[in-house]
N, C-alpha and C. Protein backbone atom coordinates (compact mmCIF):
# COMPACT_ATOMS: atom_id res chain seq x y z
N UNK A 1 283.68 -94.56 33.06
CA UNK A 1 285.13 -94.66 32.98
C UNK A 1 285.66 -94.81 31.56
N UNK A 2 284.90 -95.74 30.85
CA UNK A 2 285.26 -95.96 29.44
C UNK A 2 285.01 -94.84 28.50
N UNK A 3 283.94 -94.09 28.92
CA UNK A 3 283.55 -93.07 28.06
C UNK A 3 284.63 -91.86 28.00
N UNK A 4 285.18 -91.76 29.29
CA UNK A 4 286.13 -90.67 29.44
C UNK A 4 287.59 -91.09 29.50
N UNK A 5 287.82 -92.41 29.28
CA UNK A 5 289.19 -92.89 29.06
C UNK A 5 290.05 -92.81 30.41
N UNK A 6 289.35 -92.91 31.52
CA UNK A 6 290.13 -92.89 32.81
C UNK A 6 290.06 -94.35 33.50
N UNK A 7 291.07 -94.48 34.47
CA UNK A 7 291.19 -95.69 35.15
C UNK A 7 290.13 -95.71 36.22
N UNK A 8 289.99 -96.89 36.75
CA UNK A 8 289.01 -97.10 37.96
C UNK A 8 289.58 -96.32 39.14
N UNK A 9 290.74 -96.35 39.31
CA UNK A 9 291.46 -95.54 40.58
C UNK A 9 291.26 -94.17 40.30
N UNK A 10 291.44 -93.57 39.09
CA UNK A 10 291.12 -92.06 38.88
C UNK A 10 289.71 -91.77 39.07
N UNK A 11 288.80 -92.70 38.56
CA UNK A 11 287.37 -92.36 38.79
C UNK A 11 286.95 -92.42 40.20
N UNK A 12 287.59 -93.31 40.92
CA UNK A 12 287.21 -93.54 42.45
C UNK A 12 287.73 -92.23 43.17
N UNK A 13 289.02 -91.79 42.79
CA UNK A 13 289.52 -90.61 43.43
C UNK A 13 288.66 -89.39 43.12
N UNK A 14 288.23 -89.19 42.02
CA UNK A 14 287.35 -88.10 41.57
C UNK A 14 286.05 -88.14 42.31
N UNK A 15 285.51 -89.37 42.58
CA UNK A 15 284.16 -89.42 43.13
C UNK A 15 284.36 -89.08 44.60
N UNK A 16 285.54 -89.60 45.27
CA UNK A 16 285.59 -89.30 46.69
C UNK A 16 285.74 -87.73 46.84
N UNK A 17 286.49 -87.06 45.96
CA UNK A 17 286.60 -85.67 45.98
C UNK A 17 285.25 -84.92 45.91
N UNK A 18 284.32 -85.46 45.06
CA UNK A 18 282.98 -84.85 44.98
C UNK A 18 282.27 -85.08 46.32
N UNK A 19 282.30 -86.29 46.90
CA UNK A 19 281.65 -86.58 48.04
C UNK A 19 282.15 -85.68 49.15
N UNK A 20 283.45 -85.52 49.31
CA UNK A 20 284.04 -84.68 50.28
C UNK A 20 283.62 -83.19 50.04
N UNK A 21 283.56 -82.77 48.87
CA UNK A 21 283.03 -81.30 48.60
C UNK A 21 281.54 -81.26 48.98
N UNK A 22 280.81 -82.21 48.84
CA UNK A 22 279.32 -82.30 49.12
C UNK A 22 279.22 -82.18 50.68
N UNK A 23 279.94 -83.00 51.40
CA UNK A 23 279.99 -82.95 52.94
C UNK A 23 280.31 -81.54 53.41
N UNK A 24 281.38 -80.94 52.79
CA UNK A 24 281.79 -79.46 53.19
C UNK A 24 280.62 -78.56 52.92
N UNK A 25 279.96 -78.70 51.76
CA UNK A 25 278.81 -77.73 51.43
C UNK A 25 277.61 -78.02 52.37
N UNK A 26 277.33 -79.21 52.78
CA UNK A 26 276.27 -79.36 53.78
C UNK A 26 276.58 -78.96 55.07
N UNK A 27 277.83 -79.14 55.50
CA UNK A 27 278.20 -78.65 56.90
C UNK A 27 278.25 -77.17 56.83
N UNK A 28 278.68 -76.48 55.75
CA UNK A 28 278.65 -75.10 55.72
C UNK A 28 277.38 -74.51 55.81
N UNK A 29 276.40 -75.02 55.06
CA UNK A 29 275.07 -74.58 55.13
C UNK A 29 274.44 -74.65 56.52
N UNK A 30 274.63 -75.90 57.13
CA UNK A 30 274.11 -76.24 58.41
C UNK A 30 274.60 -75.24 59.49
N UNK A 31 275.90 -74.88 59.38
CA UNK A 31 276.61 -74.06 60.39
C UNK A 31 276.42 -72.65 60.20
N UNK A 32 275.88 -72.18 59.11
CA UNK A 32 275.76 -70.73 58.70
C UNK A 32 274.86 -70.05 59.83
N UNK A 33 275.18 -68.85 60.17
CA UNK A 33 274.36 -68.08 61.15
C UNK A 33 274.10 -66.75 60.41
N UNK A 34 272.94 -66.38 60.21
CA UNK A 34 271.68 -67.18 60.21
C UNK A 34 271.56 -67.94 58.88
N UNK A 35 270.99 -69.07 59.00
CA UNK A 35 270.76 -70.04 57.87
C UNK A 35 269.52 -69.67 57.18
N UNK A 36 269.62 -69.72 55.82
CA UNK A 36 268.34 -69.42 55.08
C UNK A 36 267.19 -70.42 55.10
N UNK A 37 267.56 -71.64 55.71
CA UNK A 37 266.55 -72.57 55.88
C UNK A 37 266.50 -72.97 57.34
N UNK A 38 265.24 -73.29 57.86
CA UNK A 38 265.15 -73.69 59.24
C UNK A 38 265.91 -74.96 59.57
N UNK A 39 266.49 -75.01 60.77
CA UNK A 39 267.43 -76.11 61.12
C UNK A 39 266.50 -77.43 61.21
N UNK A 40 265.33 -77.16 61.61
CA UNK A 40 264.43 -78.23 61.69
C UNK A 40 264.23 -79.00 60.36
N UNK A 41 264.48 -78.34 59.26
CA UNK A 41 264.41 -78.86 57.91
C UNK A 41 265.69 -79.46 57.48
N UNK A 42 266.84 -78.77 57.90
CA UNK A 42 268.33 -79.24 57.52
C UNK A 42 268.67 -80.40 58.28
N UNK A 43 268.35 -80.49 59.53
CA UNK A 43 268.84 -81.71 60.25
C UNK A 43 268.44 -83.09 59.79
N UNK A 44 267.11 -83.41 59.47
CA UNK A 44 266.83 -84.64 58.84
C UNK A 44 267.57 -84.93 57.40
N UNK A 45 267.76 -83.90 56.78
CA UNK A 45 268.55 -84.08 55.51
C UNK A 45 270.05 -84.55 55.72
N UNK A 46 270.64 -83.85 56.63
CA UNK A 46 272.01 -84.26 57.07
C UNK A 46 272.04 -85.48 57.62
N UNK A 47 271.13 -85.77 58.52
CA UNK A 47 271.12 -87.15 59.17
C UNK A 47 270.90 -88.16 58.23
N UNK A 48 270.10 -88.08 57.14
CA UNK A 48 269.84 -88.96 56.15
C UNK A 48 271.16 -89.24 55.28
N UNK A 49 271.98 -88.18 55.11
CA UNK A 49 273.11 -88.31 54.44
C UNK A 49 274.17 -89.12 55.17
N UNK A 50 274.17 -88.80 56.37
CA UNK A 50 275.02 -89.55 57.40
C UNK A 50 274.73 -91.03 57.36
N UNK A 51 273.45 -91.32 57.41
CA UNK A 51 273.00 -92.79 57.37
C UNK A 51 273.41 -93.44 56.08
N UNK A 52 273.17 -92.80 55.08
CA UNK A 52 273.60 -93.41 53.69
C UNK A 52 275.04 -93.57 53.60
N UNK A 53 275.77 -92.65 54.26
CA UNK A 53 277.25 -92.83 54.31
C UNK A 53 277.80 -93.99 55.06
N UNK A 54 277.05 -94.33 56.17
CA UNK A 54 277.32 -95.45 56.95
C UNK A 54 277.00 -96.72 56.22
N UNK A 55 275.92 -96.77 55.56
CA UNK A 55 275.44 -98.09 54.84
C UNK A 55 276.25 -98.32 53.71
N UNK A 56 276.71 -97.26 52.95
CA UNK A 56 277.38 -97.51 51.65
C UNK A 56 278.93 -97.21 51.60
N UNK A 57 279.50 -96.88 52.81
CA UNK A 57 280.80 -96.28 52.72
C UNK A 57 281.85 -97.32 52.21
N UNK A 58 281.93 -98.52 52.62
CA UNK A 58 282.89 -99.39 52.11
C UNK A 58 282.34 -100.57 51.17
N UNK A 59 280.96 -100.76 51.50
CA UNK A 59 280.39 -101.81 50.67
C UNK A 59 278.92 -101.57 50.77
N UNK A 60 278.14 -102.22 49.98
CA UNK A 60 276.68 -102.14 49.98
C UNK A 60 276.16 -102.98 51.12
N UNK A 61 276.02 -102.39 52.27
CA UNK A 61 275.55 -102.94 53.50
C UNK A 61 274.10 -103.33 53.49
N UNK A 62 273.30 -102.63 52.47
CA UNK A 62 271.81 -103.03 52.46
C UNK A 62 271.72 -104.27 51.71
N UNK A 63 272.45 -104.54 50.64
CA UNK A 63 272.49 -105.99 50.08
C UNK A 63 273.28 -107.01 50.89
N UNK A 64 274.24 -106.53 51.56
CA UNK A 64 275.13 -107.54 52.38
C UNK A 64 275.16 -106.99 53.77
N UNK A 65 274.16 -107.25 54.61
CA UNK A 65 273.94 -106.66 55.89
C UNK A 65 275.08 -107.05 56.90
N UNK A 66 275.86 -108.14 56.61
CA UNK A 66 276.96 -108.53 57.55
C UNK A 66 277.98 -107.35 57.77
N UNK A 67 278.14 -106.60 56.68
CA UNK A 67 279.07 -105.43 56.79
C UNK A 67 278.49 -104.37 57.77
N UNK A 68 277.23 -104.12 57.66
CA UNK A 68 276.65 -103.29 58.68
C UNK A 68 276.62 -103.73 60.05
N UNK A 69 276.30 -105.13 60.19
CA UNK A 69 276.22 -105.63 61.46
C UNK A 69 277.47 -105.35 62.34
N UNK A 70 278.61 -105.42 61.79
CA UNK A 70 279.87 -105.27 62.47
C UNK A 70 280.00 -103.79 62.94
N UNK A 71 279.68 -102.83 61.98
CA UNK A 71 279.56 -101.33 62.43
C UNK A 71 278.60 -101.11 63.60
N UNK A 72 277.43 -101.62 63.50
CA UNK A 72 276.45 -101.49 64.51
C UNK A 72 276.96 -102.00 65.94
N UNK A 73 277.55 -103.14 65.76
CA UNK A 73 278.17 -103.87 66.98
C UNK A 73 279.28 -102.89 67.58
N UNK A 74 280.04 -102.36 66.76
CA UNK A 74 281.07 -101.55 67.13
C UNK A 74 280.47 -100.22 67.86
N UNK A 75 279.41 -99.72 67.40
CA UNK A 75 278.75 -98.51 68.03
C UNK A 75 278.13 -98.80 69.25
N UNK A 76 277.35 -99.89 69.37
CA UNK A 76 276.47 -100.08 70.53
C UNK A 76 276.79 -101.25 71.48
N UNK A 77 277.60 -102.15 71.04
CA UNK A 77 277.76 -103.44 71.85
C UNK A 77 279.19 -103.52 72.32
N UNK A 78 280.21 -103.43 71.41
CA UNK A 78 281.59 -103.44 71.90
C UNK A 78 282.09 -102.30 72.66
N UNK A 79 282.73 -102.56 73.79
CA UNK A 79 283.25 -101.40 74.49
C UNK A 79 284.39 -100.74 73.80
N UNK A 80 284.39 -99.37 74.12
CA UNK A 80 285.42 -98.45 73.52
C UNK A 80 286.61 -98.51 74.28
N UNK A 81 287.77 -98.93 73.81
CA UNK A 81 289.08 -98.95 74.69
C UNK A 81 289.45 -97.49 75.12
N UNK A 82 289.74 -97.37 76.32
CA UNK A 82 290.08 -96.02 76.84
C UNK A 82 291.65 -96.09 77.00
């Protein structure tokens, strides 16, 4: 940020834009028919990216597991309101 003279907000916005573009690229490659790579190779890569996204989306849940604990409870323990 300091090297390029931008604020933290601008840097964060630019980073989220890059993340969004990367998700679009991965989804496009996975959904292509025919795909140049076997789906058996692509699916673990996409699932790894999904896992990392869950772990680091709002905070570093690896270092502070209490953040991840709430998300896991929401997925598997707490009922979904209908």
